[in-house]
Amino acid sequence: MNILIVAATPQEVSPTRQYLAEKIYQRRKRNVDILITGVGLVNTTYNLSKYFSVNKPDLVIQSGIAGSFHPFYPPGMVTVVTEEVFGDLGVKENNEFKDIFDLSLAESGFPFSNKLLINPHKPFCNKAKLRLVRGLSVNEITTDPKRIQQLIEKYSAIVESMEGAAFHYVCLQENIPFVQLRAISNFVGERDKSKWLMKEAIENLNRETIALVHPLLCY
């Protein structure tokens, strides 16, 4: 089985990289690659598409941190994002955000379904045995309280990242099974980093990433 692990930064998957190096799965005719895309939607789209142009893995896992919109999903928790939406692709007009679907600039056809990029590969998502959530992706991290409330009401998202929707979009277009893991490091809008649980989020993220990968490689 060929697996690709995708992350925006090396720090997010450093423990997983070390674990895989120690196991040397390649000797068992199993292969795991790690792709560091860089931060943001554009970097993720380009680097993932470039990888897929020469490689077709059996499964792609995106491992990263995220902010939480919901108090029931606190820092430290790890989730599986099964639905994604672009949260800032549109225009702000009369204190209202209208996305490209509201503006009739796009139709909600494949790979979208009612504005969402939905992961159809439920067996892989369920293997992680984590809460399944909706994610929202932005180019600019959300900090304004009014904007946060607007996004919550419009999209009912639980977590925010800067790469998830691009990841879903490319994998759906290429018809490659995928899973997005997101560990929550902070609440959306909280800029006091002393209140973030970055270290714990990365530790928990890698524990769950390894737990997902291990049985797939050891059957």
N, C-alpha and C. Protein backbone atom coordinates (compact mmCIF):
# COMPACT_ATOMS: atom_id res chain seq x y z
N MET A 1 0.85 -1.20 0.00
CA MET A 1 0.00 0.00 0.00
C MET A 1 0.87 1.24 0.00
N ASN A 2 0.54 2.19 -0.85
CA ASN A 2 1.28 3.44 -0.93
C ASN A 2 0.47 4.55 -0.27
N ILE A 3 1.07 5.18 0.72
CA ILE A 3 0.39 6.23 1.48
C ILE A 3 1.19 7.52 1.39
N LEU A 4 0.48 8.62 1.24
CA LEU A 4 1.11 9.94 1.28
C LEU A 4 0.57 10.70 2.48
N ILE A 5 1.47 11.23 3.29
CA ILE A 5 1.10 12.09 4.41
C ILE A 5 1.44 13.52 4.02
N VAL A 6 0.45 14.39 4.11
CA VAL A 6 0.60 15.79 3.69
C VAL A 6 0.50 16.70 4.90
N ALA A 7 1.40 17.68 4.96
CA ALA A 7 1.37 18.68 6.03
C ALA A 7 1.82 20.02 5.48
N ALA A 8 1.36 21.08 6.12
CA ALA A 8 1.76 22.42 5.68
C ALA A 8 3.18 22.75 6.10
N THR A 9 3.58 22.28 7.29
CA THR A 9 4.92 22.58 7.82
C THR A 9 5.57 21.30 8.34
N PRO A 10 6.89 21.23 8.36
CA PRO A 10 7.58 20.03 8.86
C PRO A 10 7.28 19.75 10.33
N GLN A 11 7.09 20.80 11.12
CA GLN A 11 6.89 20.62 12.56
C GLN A 11 5.62 19.81 12.87
N GLU A 12 4.62 19.95 12.02
CA GLU A 12 3.35 19.29 12.30
C GLU A 12 3.43 17.77 12.23
N VAL A 13 4.39 17.23 11.48
CA VAL A 13 4.49 15.78 11.32
C VAL A 13 5.87 15.24 11.67
N SER A 14 6.65 15.99 12.41
CA SER A 14 8.00 15.56 12.75
C SER A 14 8.04 14.23 13.51
N PRO A 15 7.19 14.03 14.54
CA PRO A 15 7.20 12.73 15.22
C PRO A 15 6.79 11.57 14.32
N THR A 16 5.86 11.80 13.40
CA THR A 16 5.46 10.75 12.47
C THR A 16 6.60 10.41 11.53
N ARG A 17 7.32 11.41 11.06
CA ARG A 17 8.47 11.16 10.18
C ARG A 17 9.50 10.30 10.90
N GLN A 18 9.75 10.59 12.16
CA GLN A 18 10.73 9.82 12.93
C GLN A 18 10.26 8.38 13.12
N TYR A 19 8.99 8.21 13.43
CA TYR A 19 8.41 6.88 13.60
C TYR A 19 8.56 6.05 12.33
N LEU A 20 8.24 6.64 11.19
CA LEU A 20 8.31 5.92 9.92
C LEU A 20 9.75 5.57 9.55
N ALA A 21 10.68 6.46 9.86
CA ALA A 21 12.09 6.19 9.57
C ALA A 21 12.59 4.99 10.35
N GLU A 22 12.11 4.85 11.57
CA GLU A 22 12.53 3.73 12.41
C GLU A 22 11.94 2.41 11.93
N LYS A 23 10.73 2.45 11.36
CA LYS A 23 10.06 1.21 10.95
C LYS A 23 10.51 0.71 9.58
N ILE A 24 10.92 1.60 8.70
CA ILE A 24 11.39 1.26 7.36
C ILE A 24 10.38 0.34 6.66
N TYR A 25 9.18 0.84 6.47
CA TYR A 25 8.13 0.04 5.86
C TYR A 25 8.43 -0.31 4.40
N GLN A 26 9.30 0.47 3.76
CA GLN A 26 9.57 0.20 2.35
C GLN A 26 10.08 -1.22 2.11
N ARG A 27 10.72 -1.82 3.11
CA ARG A 27 11.25 -3.18 2.95
C ARG A 27 10.15 -4.21 2.84
N ARG A 28 8.94 -3.85 3.22
CA ARG A 28 7.82 -4.78 3.18
C ARG A 28 6.91 -4.50 1.97
N LYS A 29 7.45 -3.86 0.96
CA LYS A 29 6.69 -3.50 -0.22
C LYS A 29 5.54 -2.57 0.12
N ARG A 30 5.76 -1.77 1.15
CA ARG A 30 4.82 -0.73 1.54
C ARG A 30 5.61 0.57 1.58
N ASN A 31 4.98 1.63 1.15
CA ASN A 31 5.70 2.88 1.05
C ASN A 31 4.89 4.03 1.64
N VAL A 32 5.56 4.89 2.40
CA VAL A 32 4.92 6.09 2.94
C VAL A 32 5.79 7.29 2.58
N ASP A 33 5.21 8.22 1.86
CA ASP A 33 5.89 9.48 1.56
C ASP A 33 5.31 10.59 2.43
N ILE A 34 6.12 11.60 2.68
CA ILE A 34 5.64 12.79 3.38
C ILE A 34 5.88 13.98 2.46
N LEU A 35 4.82 14.75 2.25
CA LEU A 35 4.89 15.94 1.40
C LEU A 35 4.60 17.18 2.24
N ILE A 36 5.56 18.09 2.29
CA ILE A 36 5.37 19.37 2.96
C ILE A 36 4.99 20.39 1.90
N THR A 37 3.77 20.86 1.96
CA THR A 37 3.24 21.71 0.89
C THR A 37 3.56 23.19 1.08
N GLY A 38 3.79 23.61 2.32
CA GLY A 38 3.80 25.04 2.62
C GLY A 38 2.42 25.46 3.08
N VAL A 39 2.34 26.63 3.70
CA VAL A 39 1.08 27.10 4.29
C VAL A 39 0.17 27.70 3.22
N GLY A 40 -1.11 27.43 3.32
CA GLY A 40 -2.09 28.10 2.50
C GLY A 40 -2.68 27.27 1.38
N LEU A 41 -3.75 27.80 0.82
CA LEU A 41 -4.51 27.10 -0.20
C LEU A 41 -3.75 26.97 -1.51
N VAL A 42 -3.06 28.02 -1.92
CA VAL A 42 -2.34 27.97 -3.19
C VAL A 42 -1.19 26.97 -3.13
N ASN A 43 -0.38 27.04 -2.07
CA ASN A 43 0.73 26.10 -1.92
C ASN A 43 0.24 24.66 -1.91
N THR A 44 -0.83 24.42 -1.18
CA THR A 44 -1.36 23.06 -1.09
C THR A 44 -1.83 22.56 -2.45
N THR A 45 -2.57 23.39 -3.16
CA THR A 45 -3.08 23.00 -4.47
C THR A 45 -1.94 22.68 -5.44
N TYR A 46 -0.96 23.56 -5.50
CA TYR A 46 0.13 23.37 -6.45
C TYR A 46 0.96 22.13 -6.12
N ASN A 47 1.43 22.04 -4.90
CA ASN A 47 2.35 20.95 -4.55
C ASN A 47 1.68 19.59 -4.54
N LEU A 48 0.42 19.53 -4.13
CA LEU A 48 -0.30 18.26 -4.17
C LEU A 48 -0.57 17.84 -5.61
N SER A 49 -0.98 18.78 -6.45
CA SER A 49 -1.21 18.47 -7.86
C SER A 49 0.08 18.02 -8.55
N LYS A 50 1.18 18.67 -8.22
CA LYS A 50 2.47 18.30 -8.81
C LYS A 50 2.85 16.88 -8.41
N TYR A 51 2.62 16.53 -7.14
CA TYR A 51 2.92 15.17 -6.66
C TYR A 51 2.05 14.15 -7.39
N PHE A 52 0.75 14.45 -7.52
CA PHE A 52 -0.17 13.51 -8.15
C PHE A 52 0.11 13.35 -9.65
N SER A 53 0.81 14.29 -10.25
CA SER A 53 1.10 14.18 -11.68
C SER A 53 2.05 13.02 -11.98
N VAL A 54 2.78 12.58 -10.96
CA VAL A 54 3.72 11.47 -11.17
C VAL A 54 3.50 10.31 -10.19
N ASN A 55 2.65 10.51 -9.18
CA ASN A 55 2.39 9.46 -8.18
C ASN A 55 0.89 9.37 -7.92
N LYS A 56 0.40 8.14 -7.75
CA LYS A 56 -1.01 7.92 -7.43
C LYS A 56 -1.09 7.03 -6.19
N PRO A 57 -1.01 7.61 -4.99
CA PRO A 57 -1.06 6.80 -3.77
C PRO A 57 -2.43 6.16 -3.57
N ASP A 58 -2.45 5.14 -2.73
CA ASP A 58 -3.71 4.47 -2.40
C ASP A 58 -4.51 5.26 -1.38
N LEU A 59 -3.80 6.08 -0.60
CA LEU A 59 -4.46 6.89 0.43
C LEU A 59 -3.59 8.11 0.72
N VAL A 60 -4.25 9.25 0.90
CA VAL A 60 -3.56 10.48 1.29
C VAL A 60 -4.12 10.94 2.63
N ILE A 61 -3.22 11.26 3.56
CA ILE A 61 -3.62 11.74 4.88
C ILE A 61 -3.06 13.14 5.07
N GLN A 62 -3.93 14.09 5.30
CA GLN A 62 -3.47 15.44 5.64
C GLN A 62 -3.49 15.58 7.15
N SER A 63 -2.33 15.91 7.72
CA SER A 63 -2.21 16.07 9.17
C SER A 63 -1.82 17.52 9.47
N GLY A 64 -2.65 18.18 10.26
CA GLY A 64 -2.35 19.57 10.55
C GLY A 64 -3.10 20.08 11.77
N ILE A 65 -2.75 21.29 12.16
CA ILE A 65 -3.43 21.92 13.29
C ILE A 65 -4.54 22.82 12.77
N ALA A 66 -5.42 23.24 13.66
CA ALA A 66 -6.55 24.07 13.26
C ALA A 66 -7.05 24.87 14.45
N GLY A 67 -7.86 25.87 14.16
CA GLY A 67 -8.57 26.60 15.20
C GLY A 67 -9.98 26.05 15.32
N SER A 68 -10.56 26.20 16.49
CA SER A 68 -11.92 25.69 16.73
C SER A 68 -12.91 26.84 16.86
N PHE A 69 -14.08 26.67 16.26
CA PHE A 69 -15.17 27.62 16.40
C PHE A 69 -16.07 27.28 17.58
N HIS A 70 -15.93 26.10 18.15
CA HIS A 70 -16.94 25.57 19.08
C HIS A 70 -16.32 25.19 20.42
N PRO A 71 -16.95 25.60 21.54
CA PRO A 71 -16.40 25.28 22.86
C PRO A 71 -16.37 23.78 23.17
N PHE A 72 -17.18 22.99 22.49
CA PHE A 72 -17.17 21.54 22.71
C PHE A 72 -16.01 20.86 22.00
N TYR A 73 -15.24 21.64 21.24
CA TYR A 73 -14.06 21.13 20.54
C TYR A 73 -12.85 21.96 20.97
N PRO A 74 -12.33 21.67 22.17
CA PRO A 74 -11.30 22.52 22.76
C PRO A 74 -9.90 22.21 22.24
N PRO A 75 -8.95 23.09 22.50
CA PRO A 75 -7.56 22.84 22.14
C PRO A 75 -7.07 21.50 22.69
N GLY A 76 -6.35 20.78 21.85
CA GLY A 76 -5.84 19.45 22.20
C GLY A 76 -6.61 18.33 21.54
N MET A 77 -7.86 18.58 21.20
CA MET A 77 -8.68 17.54 20.57
C MET A 77 -8.26 17.31 19.12
N VAL A 78 -8.36 16.07 18.67
CA VAL A 78 -8.08 15.74 17.28
C VAL A 78 -9.38 15.31 16.61
N THR A 79 -9.60 15.81 15.41
CA THR A 79 -10.83 15.52 14.68
C THR A 79 -10.51 15.01 13.28
N VAL A 80 -11.52 14.44 12.64
CA VAL A 80 -11.44 14.10 11.22
C VAL A 80 -12.39 15.04 10.49
N VAL A 81 -11.85 15.81 9.56
CA VAL A 81 -12.67 16.73 8.78
C VAL A 81 -13.19 16.01 7.56
N THR A 82 -14.50 15.81 7.50
CA THR A 82 -15.10 15.08 6.38
C THR A 82 -15.75 16.00 5.35
N GLU A 83 -15.99 17.26 5.75
CA GLU A 83 -16.58 18.24 4.84
C GLU A 83 -15.79 19.53 4.92
N GLU A 84 -15.56 20.14 3.77
CA GLU A 84 -14.80 21.39 3.72
C GLU A 84 -15.53 22.44 2.89
N VAL A 85 -15.28 23.70 3.22
CA VAL A 85 -15.84 24.81 2.46
C VAL A 85 -14.82 25.94 2.41
N PHE A 86 -14.77 26.63 1.28
CA PHE A 86 -13.93 27.82 1.17
C PHE A 86 -14.64 28.97 1.89
N GLY A 87 -13.97 29.55 2.90
CA GLY A 87 -14.64 30.52 3.75
C GLY A 87 -14.42 31.97 3.40
N ASP A 88 -13.56 32.26 2.42
CA ASP A 88 -13.35 33.67 2.08
C ASP A 88 -13.25 33.89 0.57
N LEU A 89 -13.84 32.99 -0.20
CA LEU A 89 -13.84 33.12 -1.66
C LEU A 89 -15.15 33.77 -2.08
N GLY A 90 -15.11 35.10 -2.18
CA GLY A 90 -16.33 35.83 -2.50
C GLY A 90 -16.16 37.31 -2.25
N VAL A 91 -17.20 37.94 -1.74
CA VAL A 91 -17.16 39.39 -1.51
C VAL A 91 -17.95 39.74 -0.25
N LYS A 92 -17.44 40.74 0.49
CA LYS A 92 -18.19 41.27 1.62
C LYS A 92 -18.93 42.49 1.14
N GLU A 93 -20.25 42.45 1.29
CA GLU A 93 -21.11 43.49 0.74
C GLU A 93 -22.25 43.78 1.70
N ASN A 94 -22.41 45.06 2.08
CA ASN A 94 -23.46 45.45 3.03
C ASN A 94 -23.41 44.61 4.30
N ASN A 95 -22.17 44.45 4.83
CA ASN A 95 -21.93 43.69 6.07
C ASN A 95 -22.35 42.24 5.97
N GLU A 96 -22.44 41.74 4.75
CA GLU A 96 -22.77 40.33 4.53
C GLU A 96 -21.74 39.72 3.60
N PHE A 97 -21.34 38.46 3.91
CA PHE A 97 -20.40 37.78 3.04
C PHE A 97 -21.16 36.91 2.05
N LYS A 98 -20.86 37.11 0.77
CA LYS A 98 -21.47 36.31 -0.28
C LYS A 98 -20.37 35.52 -0.97
N ASP A 99 -20.51 34.20 -0.99
CA ASP A 99 -19.50 33.38 -1.64
C ASP A 99 -19.79 33.26 -3.13
N ILE A 100 -18.92 32.55 -3.84
CA ILE A 100 -19.04 32.48 -5.29
C ILE A 100 -20.33 31.78 -5.74
N PHE A 101 -20.90 30.96 -4.88
CA PHE A 101 -22.16 30.31 -5.22
C PHE A 101 -23.33 31.28 -5.05
N ASP A 102 -23.27 32.11 -4.01
CA ASP A 102 -24.29 33.14 -3.82
C ASP A 102 -24.28 34.13 -4.97
N LEU A 103 -23.08 34.40 -5.51
CA LEU A 103 -22.91 35.37 -6.58
C LEU A 103 -23.15 34.78 -7.97
N SER A 104 -23.50 33.49 -8.02
CA SER A 104 -23.71 32.77 -9.29
C SER A 104 -22.46 32.77 -10.17
N LEU A 105 -21.31 32.77 -9.51
CA LEU A 105 -20.04 32.67 -10.23
C LEU A 105 -19.57 31.23 -10.35
N ALA A 106 -20.27 30.32 -9.69
CA ALA A 106 -19.94 28.89 -9.75
C ALA A 106 -21.20 28.09 -9.49
N GLU A 107 -21.23 26.90 -10.05
CA GLU A 107 -22.34 25.99 -9.82
C GLU A 107 -21.91 24.92 -8.82
N SER A 108 -22.86 24.47 -8.03
CA SER A 108 -22.53 23.50 -6.99
C SER A 108 -22.52 22.08 -7.53
N GLY A 109 -21.76 21.89 -8.62
CA GLY A 109 -21.58 20.56 -9.17
C GLY A 109 -20.24 19.99 -8.73
N PHE A 110 -19.95 18.78 -9.16
CA PHE A 110 -18.71 18.11 -8.77
C PHE A 110 -17.51 19.05 -8.99
N PRO A 111 -16.59 19.10 -8.03
CA PRO A 111 -16.49 18.28 -6.81
C PRO A 111 -17.28 18.81 -5.62
N PHE A 112 -18.07 19.88 -5.83
CA PHE A 112 -18.86 20.45 -4.74
C PHE A 112 -20.21 19.77 -4.62
N SER A 113 -20.76 19.82 -3.43
CA SER A 113 -22.12 19.38 -3.17
C SER A 113 -22.73 20.36 -2.18
N ASN A 114 -23.63 21.22 -2.67
CA ASN A 114 -24.22 22.26 -1.84
C ASN A 114 -23.12 23.09 -1.16
N LYS A 115 -22.17 23.54 -1.94
CA LYS A 115 -21.03 24.38 -1.54
C LYS A 115 -19.91 23.60 -0.85
N LEU A 116 -20.17 22.36 -0.46
CA LEU A 116 -19.22 21.60 0.34
C LEU A 116 -18.37 20.67 -0.50
N LEU A 117 -17.16 20.44 -0.03
CA LEU A 117 -16.26 19.42 -0.59
C LEU A 117 -16.30 18.25 0.39
N ILE A 118 -17.08 17.23 0.05
CA ILE A 118 -17.38 16.14 0.98
C ILE A 118 -16.52 14.93 0.68
N ASN A 119 -15.92 14.38 1.71
CA ASN A 119 -15.11 13.18 1.56
C ASN A 119 -16.02 11.96 1.46
N PRO A 120 -16.00 11.24 0.33
CA PRO A 120 -16.87 10.08 0.17
C PRO A 120 -16.28 8.79 0.73
N HIS A 121 -15.04 8.86 1.20
CA HIS A 121 -14.33 7.65 1.63
C HIS A 121 -14.52 7.43 3.14
N LYS A 122 -15.75 7.13 3.51
CA LYS A 122 -16.10 7.01 4.92
C LYS A 122 -15.36 5.90 5.67
N PRO A 123 -15.10 4.73 5.04
CA PRO A 123 -14.38 3.68 5.78
C PRO A 123 -13.01 4.15 6.29
N PHE A 124 -12.27 4.89 5.47
CA PHE A 124 -10.98 5.41 5.91
C PHE A 124 -11.16 6.44 7.03
N CYS A 125 -12.16 7.31 6.88
CA CYS A 125 -12.41 8.33 7.90
C CYS A 125 -12.80 7.70 9.24
N ASN A 126 -13.60 6.65 9.18
CA ASN A 126 -14.07 6.01 10.41
C ASN A 126 -12.99 5.20 11.12
N LYS A 127 -11.95 4.81 10.38
CA LYS A 127 -10.86 4.05 11.00
C LYS A 127 -10.16 4.83 12.10
N ALA A 128 -10.16 6.14 11.97
CA ALA A 128 -9.49 6.97 12.98
C ALA A 128 -10.23 6.99 14.31
N LYS A 129 -11.52 6.68 14.30
CA LYS A 129 -12.34 6.65 15.52
C LYS A 129 -12.28 7.98 16.27
N LEU A 130 -12.41 9.05 15.51
CA LEU A 130 -12.42 10.40 16.06
C LEU A 130 -13.71 11.10 15.64
N ARG A 131 -13.99 12.23 16.24
CA ARG A 131 -15.18 12.99 15.87
C ARG A 131 -15.06 13.51 14.44
N LEU A 132 -16.14 13.36 13.69
CA LEU A 132 -16.19 13.83 12.31
C LEU A 132 -16.78 15.23 12.29
N VAL A 133 -16.09 16.16 11.64
CA VAL A 133 -16.51 17.56 11.68
C VAL A 133 -16.46 18.20 10.30
N ARG A 134 -17.05 19.39 10.23
CA ARG A 134 -16.95 20.21 9.02
C ARG A 134 -15.86 21.25 9.21
N GLY A 135 -15.04 21.42 8.19
CA GLY A 135 -13.97 22.41 8.25
C GLY A 135 -14.22 23.57 7.30
N LEU A 136 -13.59 24.68 7.61
CA LEU A 136 -13.67 25.88 6.80
C LEU A 136 -12.25 26.36 6.55
N SER A 137 -11.94 26.69 5.30
CA SER A 137 -10.57 27.09 4.96
C SER A 137 -10.53 28.53 4.47
N VAL A 138 -9.52 29.26 4.92
CA VAL A 138 -9.37 30.68 4.59
C VAL A 138 -7.94 30.98 4.21
N ASN A 139 -7.76 32.05 3.46
CA ASN A 139 -6.43 32.54 3.16
C ASN A 139 -5.90 33.43 4.27
N GLU A 140 -6.81 34.09 4.98
CA GLU A 140 -6.45 34.97 6.09
C GLU A 140 -7.11 34.46 7.36
N ILE A 141 -6.33 34.17 8.38
CA ILE A 141 -6.87 33.65 9.63
C ILE A 141 -7.89 34.63 10.20
N THR A 142 -9.02 34.11 10.65
CA THR A 142 -10.12 34.95 11.13
C THR A 142 -9.86 35.41 12.56
N THR A 143 -9.98 36.73 12.79
CA THR A 143 -9.76 37.30 14.12
C THR A 143 -10.91 38.18 14.58
N ASP A 144 -11.69 38.74 13.67
CA ASP A 144 -12.76 39.67 14.02
C ASP A 144 -13.97 38.91 14.57
N PRO A 145 -14.45 39.26 15.76
CA PRO A 145 -15.58 38.53 16.37
C PRO A 145 -16.83 38.52 15.49
N LYS A 146 -17.12 39.63 14.82
CA LYS A 146 -18.31 39.68 13.96
C LYS A 146 -18.15 38.74 12.77
N ARG A 147 -16.96 38.72 12.24
CA ARG A 147 -16.69 37.82 11.10
C ARG A 147 -16.77 36.36 11.53
N ILE A 148 -16.26 36.06 12.71
CA ILE A 148 -16.32 34.69 13.24
C ILE A 148 -17.78 34.24 13.35
N GLN A 149 -18.62 35.08 13.94
CA GLN A 149 -20.02 34.73 14.11
C GLN A 149 -20.71 34.58 12.75
N GLN A 150 -20.33 35.42 11.81
CA GLN A 150 -20.88 35.34 10.47
C GLN A 150 -20.56 34.00 9.81
N LEU A 151 -19.31 33.56 9.94
CA LEU A 151 -18.90 32.29 9.35
C LEU A 151 -19.59 31.10 10.03
N ILE A 152 -19.73 31.17 11.34
CA ILE A 152 -20.41 30.10 12.08
C ILE A 152 -21.85 29.97 11.59
N GLU A 153 -22.54 31.10 11.48
CA GLU A 153 -23.94 31.08 11.08
C GLU A 153 -24.11 30.65 9.62
N LYS A 154 -23.19 31.05 8.77
CA LYS A 154 -23.33 30.76 7.34
C LYS A 154 -22.96 29.32 6.99
N TYR A 155 -21.90 28.80 7.64
CA TYR A 155 -21.36 27.52 7.22
C TYR A 155 -21.42 26.41 8.27
N SER A 156 -21.72 26.73 9.52
CA SER A 156 -21.80 25.72 10.59
C SER A 156 -20.52 24.89 10.69
N ALA A 157 -19.39 25.53 10.46
CA ALA A 157 -18.11 24.82 10.54
C ALA A 157 -17.66 24.69 11.99
N ILE A 158 -16.86 23.68 12.24
CA ILE A 158 -16.33 23.43 13.58
C ILE A 158 -14.87 23.88 13.68
N VAL A 159 -14.09 23.66 12.62
CA VAL A 159 -12.67 24.02 12.65
C VAL A 159 -12.30 24.88 11.45
N GLU A 160 -11.23 25.67 11.64
CA GLU A 160 -10.72 26.53 10.57
C GLU A 160 -9.26 26.21 10.32
N SER A 161 -8.92 26.09 9.03
CA SER A 161 -7.52 25.90 8.64
C SER A 161 -7.23 26.74 7.41
N MET A 162 -6.00 26.63 6.92
CA MET A 162 -5.62 27.39 5.73
C MET A 162 -5.31 26.46 4.54
N GLU A 163 -5.60 25.16 4.68
CA GLU A 163 -5.26 24.21 3.62
C GLU A 163 -6.33 23.16 3.32
N GLY A 164 -7.23 22.92 4.24
CA GLY A 164 -8.12 21.76 4.13
C GLY A 164 -8.97 21.70 2.88
N ALA A 165 -9.57 22.81 2.49
CA ALA A 165 -10.45 22.80 1.31
C ALA A 165 -9.66 22.51 0.04
N ALA A 166 -8.46 23.04 -0.05
CA ALA A 166 -7.62 22.76 -1.22
C ALA A 166 -7.26 21.28 -1.28
N PHE A 167 -6.97 20.70 -0.13
CA PHE A 167 -6.66 19.27 -0.05
C PHE A 167 -7.84 18.44 -0.54
N HIS A 168 -9.03 18.72 -0.03
CA HIS A 168 -10.22 17.99 -0.47
C HIS A 168 -10.45 18.17 -1.96
N TYR A 169 -10.33 19.40 -2.44
CA TYR A 169 -10.60 19.71 -3.84
C TYR A 169 -9.71 18.89 -4.78
N VAL A 170 -8.41 18.88 -4.51
CA VAL A 170 -7.48 18.18 -5.39
C VAL A 170 -7.70 16.66 -5.32
N CYS A 171 -7.87 16.13 -4.12
CA CYS A 171 -8.07 14.68 -3.99
C CYS A 171 -9.36 14.22 -4.66
N LEU A 172 -10.42 15.01 -4.54
CA LEU A 172 -11.67 14.67 -5.21
C LEU A 172 -11.51 14.71 -6.73
N GLN A 173 -10.83 15.72 -7.21
CA GLN A 173 -10.63 15.84 -8.66
C GLN A 173 -9.80 14.68 -9.20
N GLU A 174 -8.84 14.21 -8.42
CA GLU A 174 -7.96 13.13 -8.86
C GLU A 174 -8.50 11.75 -8.48
N ASN A 175 -9.63 11.71 -7.78
CA ASN A 175 -10.26 10.45 -7.37
C ASN A 175 -9.30 9.57 -6.57
N ILE A 176 -8.65 10.19 -5.59
CA ILE A 176 -7.72 9.48 -4.71
C ILE A 176 -8.29 9.50 -3.29
N PRO A 177 -8.44 8.35 -2.63
CA PRO A 177 -8.96 8.32 -1.26
C PRO A 177 -8.13 9.18 -0.32
N PHE A 178 -8.81 9.84 0.62
CA PHE A 178 -8.11 10.76 1.51
C PHE A 178 -8.78 10.87 2.87
N VAL A 179 -7.99 11.31 3.84
CA VAL A 179 -8.46 11.58 5.20
C VAL A 179 -7.78 12.86 5.67
N GLN A 180 -8.54 13.75 6.26
CA GLN A 180 -7.96 14.96 6.83
C GLN A 180 -8.05 14.91 8.36
N LEU A 181 -6.89 14.89 9.02
CA LEU A 181 -6.82 14.95 10.48
C LEU A 181 -6.46 16.37 10.91
N ARG A 182 -7.20 16.91 11.87
CA ARG A 182 -6.91 18.24 12.39
C ARG A 182 -6.91 18.22 13.92
N ALA A 183 -5.78 18.62 14.48
CA ALA A 183 -5.69 18.77 15.93
C ALA A 183 -5.89 20.24 16.26
N ILE A 184 -6.72 20.52 17.23
CA ILE A 184 -7.06 21.90 17.57
C ILE A 184 -6.02 22.49 18.51
N SER A 185 -5.46 23.60 18.11
CA SER A 185 -4.43 24.27 18.92
C SER A 185 -4.98 25.47 19.67
N ASN A 186 -6.09 26.03 19.20
CA ASN A 186 -6.63 27.26 19.80
C ASN A 186 -8.06 27.48 19.32
N PHE A 187 -8.74 28.39 19.97
CA PHE A 187 -10.05 28.82 19.49
C PHE A 187 -9.85 29.91 18.44
N VAL A 188 -10.68 29.89 17.42
CA VAL A 188 -10.59 30.90 16.36
C VAL A 188 -10.78 32.29 16.96
N GLY A 189 -9.87 33.19 16.65
CA GLY A 189 -9.94 34.55 17.17
C GLY A 189 -9.06 34.81 18.36
N GLU A 190 -8.61 33.76 19.02
CA GLU A 190 -7.73 33.91 20.20
C GLU A 190 -6.30 34.15 19.72
N ARG A 191 -5.78 35.36 19.92
CA ARG A 191 -4.44 35.69 19.45
C ARG A 191 -3.40 35.68 20.56
N ASP A 192 -3.83 35.43 21.79
CA ASP A 192 -2.89 35.29 22.90
C ASP A 192 -2.35 33.86 22.86
N LYS A 193 -1.14 33.71 22.33
CA LYS A 193 -0.61 32.37 22.11
C LYS A 193 -0.25 31.63 23.38
N SER A 194 -0.25 32.33 24.50
CA SER A 194 -0.04 31.64 25.78
C SER A 194 -1.24 30.76 26.12
N LYS A 195 -2.36 31.01 25.46
CA LYS A 195 -3.57 30.22 25.68
C LYS A 195 -3.71 29.09 24.64
N TRP A 196 -2.78 29.04 23.71
CA TRP A 196 -2.80 27.97 22.71
C TRP A 196 -2.16 26.71 23.29
N LEU A 197 -2.57 25.57 22.79
CA LEU A 197 -1.96 24.30 23.18
C LEU A 197 -1.27 23.69 21.95
N MET A 198 -0.32 24.41 21.41
CA MET A 198 0.35 23.98 20.18
C MET A 198 1.11 22.67 20.38
N LYS A 199 1.90 22.60 21.45
CA LYS A 199 2.70 21.40 21.71
C LYS A 199 1.81 20.18 21.88
N GLU A 200 0.75 20.33 22.68
CA GLU A 200 -0.16 19.21 22.91
C GLU A 200 -0.90 18.82 21.64
N ALA A 201 -1.28 19.83 20.85
CA ALA A 201 -2.00 19.54 19.60
C ALA A 201 -1.13 18.74 18.65
N ILE A 202 0.13 19.12 18.51
CA ILE A 202 1.03 18.39 17.61
C ILE A 202 1.29 16.98 18.12
N GLU A 203 1.47 16.84 19.43
CA GLU A 203 1.67 15.50 20.00
C GLU A 203 0.46 14.60 19.72
N ASN A 204 -0.73 15.13 19.98
CA ASN A 204 -1.94 14.34 19.77
C ASN A 204 -2.18 14.06 18.29
N LEU A 205 -1.88 15.04 17.45
CA LEU A 205 -2.03 14.87 16.00
C LEU A 205 -1.17 13.72 15.51
N ASN A 206 0.07 13.67 15.92
CA ASN A 206 0.98 12.62 15.46
C ASN A 206 0.62 11.26 16.04
N ARG A 207 0.15 11.23 17.26
CA ARG A 207 -0.30 9.96 17.84
C ARG A 207 -1.43 9.37 17.00
N GLU A 208 -2.38 10.22 16.61
CA GLU A 208 -3.51 9.73 15.82
C GLU A 208 -3.11 9.42 14.38
N THR A 209 -2.17 10.17 13.84
CA THR A 209 -1.68 9.88 12.50
C THR A 209 -1.01 8.51 12.46
N ILE A 210 -0.16 8.25 13.42
CA ILE A 210 0.53 6.97 13.50
C ILE A 210 -0.47 5.83 13.74
N ALA A 211 -1.46 6.08 14.60
CA ALA A 211 -2.47 5.06 14.87
C ALA A 211 -3.28 4.72 13.63
N LEU A 212 -3.47 5.70 12.74
CA LEU A 212 -4.20 5.45 11.51
C LEU A 212 -3.34 4.71 10.50
N VAL A 213 -2.07 5.08 10.40
CA VAL A 213 -1.18 4.51 9.40
C VAL A 213 -0.75 3.09 9.75
N HIS A 214 -0.45 2.86 11.00
CA HIS A 214 0.16 1.59 11.43
C HIS A 214 -0.60 0.34 10.97
N PRO A 215 -1.90 0.21 11.25
CA PRO A 215 -2.59 -1.02 10.82
C PRO A 215 -2.70 -1.16 9.31
N LEU A 216 -2.67 -0.06 8.59
CA LEU A 216 -2.74 -0.13 7.13
C LEU A 216 -1.47 -0.69 6.52
N LEU A 217 -0.38 -0.58 7.27
CA LEU A 217 0.92 -1.03 6.76
C LEU A 217 1.34 -2.38 7.30
N CYS A 218 0.62 -2.85 8.31
CA CYS A 218 1.06 -4.06 8.99
C CYS A 218 0.11 -5.24 8.81
N TYR A 219 -0.78 -5.16 7.84
CA TYR A 219 -1.70 -6.29 7.64
C TYR A 219 -0.95 -7.46 6.98
